[in-house]
């Protein structure tokens, strides 16, 4: 029975964490997309008069690399934070369940010895 409770808690917390990560990822992607669009528009307007395609492509490539690095770093930090929080909560719940199991086993032994 405790294993089922622990499994249910794990599945519930996992789904909540997944939804939280997906929401954060979506919000982060939208922010980056908005900033990226403004920056690209500014770059295109600046270079449009010069018609310098090679420089635009180089800047675009650097922007993509920079954005991907920032996304990866932020996502990694968030996942690490969520993982440590989840592990702490899971450990706390496991300790509570273990204590309850010990109490039940003690009562069973006392009942059997009567």
Protein backbone atom coordinates (compact mmCIF):
# COMPACT_ATOMS: atom_id res chain seq x y z
CA UNK A 1 0.00 0.00 0.00
CA UNK A 2 2.77 2.55 0.84
CA UNK A 3 4.41 1.78 -2.50
CA UNK A 4 1.17 2.65 -4.29
CA UNK A 5 0.87 5.89 -2.34
CA UNK A 6 4.47 6.78 -3.13
CA UNK A 7 3.89 5.95 -6.80
CA UNK A 8 0.74 8.07 -6.89
CA UNK A 9 2.56 11.01 -5.29
CA UNK A 10 5.44 10.60 -7.74
CA UNK A 11 3.12 10.50 -10.75
CA UNK A 12 1.17 13.54 -9.57
CA UNK A 13 4.27 15.59 -8.85
CA UNK A 14 5.87 14.48 -12.13
CA UNK A 15 2.87 15.64 -14.15
CA UNK A 16 2.78 18.98 -12.31
CA UNK A 17 6.50 19.47 -12.94
CA UNK A 18 6.10 18.59 -16.61
CA UNK A 19 3.32 21.15 -17.03
CA UNK A 20 5.42 23.76 -15.21
CA UNK A 21 8.43 23.09 -17.43
CA UNK A 22 6.29 23.21 -20.57
CA UNK A 23 4.76 26.53 -19.50
CA UNK A 24 8.15 28.03 -18.67
CA UNK A 25 9.54 26.81 -21.98
CA UNK A 26 6.61 28.32 -23.90
CA UNK A 27 6.91 31.66 -22.12
CA UNK A 28 10.67 31.75 -22.60
CA UNK A 29 10.32 30.88 -26.28
CA UNK A 30 7.77 33.68 -26.78
CA UNK A 31 9.98 36.26 -25.06
CA UNK A 32 12.98 35.22 -27.10
CA UNK A 33 10.94 35.20 -30.28
CA UNK A 34 9.69 38.73 -29.63
CA UNK A 35 13.15 40.08 -28.84
CA UNK A 36 14.65 38.17 -31.73
CA UNK A 37 12.09 39.57 -34.16
CA UNK A 38 12.76 43.15 -33.05
CA UNK A 39 16.51 42.68 -33.29
CA UNK A 40 16.38 41.01 -36.70
CA UNK A 41 14.09 43.75 -38.02
CA UNK A 42 16.52 46.38 -36.76
CA UNK A 43 19.47 44.59 -38.34
CA UNK A 44 17.66 44.14 -41.64
CA UNK A 45 16.69 47.81 -41.69
CA UNK A 46 20.28 48.86 -40.92
CA UNK A 47 21.79 46.66 -43.60
CA UNK A 48 19.01 46.98 -46.15
CA UNK A 49 20.47 50.20 -47.50
CA UNK A 50 23.88 48.55 -47.86
CA UNK A 51 22.45 45.29 -49.22
CA UNK A 52 25.14 43.40 -47.39
CA UNK A 53 23.73 39.88 -47.20
CA UNK A 54 26.88 38.16 -45.96
CA UNK A 55 27.09 40.33 -42.84
CA UNK A 56 23.41 39.76 -42.12
CA UNK A 57 23.88 35.99 -42.38
CA UNK A 58 26.89 36.10 -40.05
CA UNK A 59 25.05 38.21 -37.50
CA UNK A 60 22.00 35.95 -37.77
CA UNK A 61 24.18 32.89 -37.18
CA UNK A 62 25.77 34.51 -34.12
CA UNK A 63 22.34 35.49 -32.81
CA UNK A 64 21.03 31.96 -33.19
CA UNK A 65 24.06 30.54 -31.38
CA UNK A 66 23.72 33.08 -28.57
CA UNK A 67 20.00 32.46 -28.19
CA UNK A 68 20.39 28.68 -28.19
CA UNK A 69 23.10 28.92 -25.54
CA UNK A 70 20.94 31.16 -23.35
CA UNK A 71 17.93 28.87 -23.73
CA UNK A 72 19.99 25.79 -22.90
CA UNK A 73 21.55 27.44 -19.84
CA UNK A 74 18.24 28.73 -18.48
CA UNK A 75 16.45 25.46 -19.12
CA UNK A 76 19.26 23.49 -17.50
CA UNK A 77 19.16 25.75 -14.44
CA UNK A 78 15.37 25.45 -14.13
CA UNK A 79 15.43 21.67 -14.53
CA UNK A 80 18.19 21.36 -11.95
CA UNK A 81 16.24 23.54 -9.51
CA UNK A 82 13.03 21.58 -10.08
CA UNK A 83 14.89 18.28 -9.73
CA UNK A 84 16.44 19.25 -6.40
CA UNK A 85 13.08 20.52 -5.08
CA UNK A 86 11.33 17.36 -6.23
CA UNK A 87 14.01 15.14 -4.70
CA UNK A 88 13.73 16.96 -1.37
CA UNK A 89 9.94 16.67 -1.34
CA UNK A 90 10.08 13.02 -2.37
CA UNK A 91 12.60 12.28 0.39
CA UNK A 92 10.41 14.06 2.94
CA UNK A 93 7.33 12.10 1.85
CA UNK A 94 9.31 8.86 1.89
CA UNK A 95 10.45 9.54 5.46
CA UNK A 96 6.86 10.20 6.54
CA UNK A 97 5.67 6.99 4.89
CA UNK A 98 8.50 4.99 6.45
CA UNK A 99 7.59 6.35 9.90
CA UNK A 100 3.94 5.41 9.38
CA UNK A 101 4.92 1.90 8.25
CA UNK A 102 7.05 1.45 11.39
CA UNK A 103 4.11 2.55 13.56
CA UNK A 104 1.77 0.11 11.81
CA UNK A 105 4.29 -2.73 12.12
CA UNK A 106 4.72 -1.97 15.83
CA UNK A 107 0.96 -2.08 16.35
CA UNK A 108 0.78 -5.37 14.42
CA UNK A 109 3.50 -6.93 16.59
CA UNK A 110 1.76 -5.74 19.77
CA UNK A 111 -1.58 -7.08 18.56
CA UNK A 112 -0.10 -10.45 17.59
CA UNK A 113 1.61 -10.84 20.96
CA UNK A 114 -1.61 -10.26 22.93
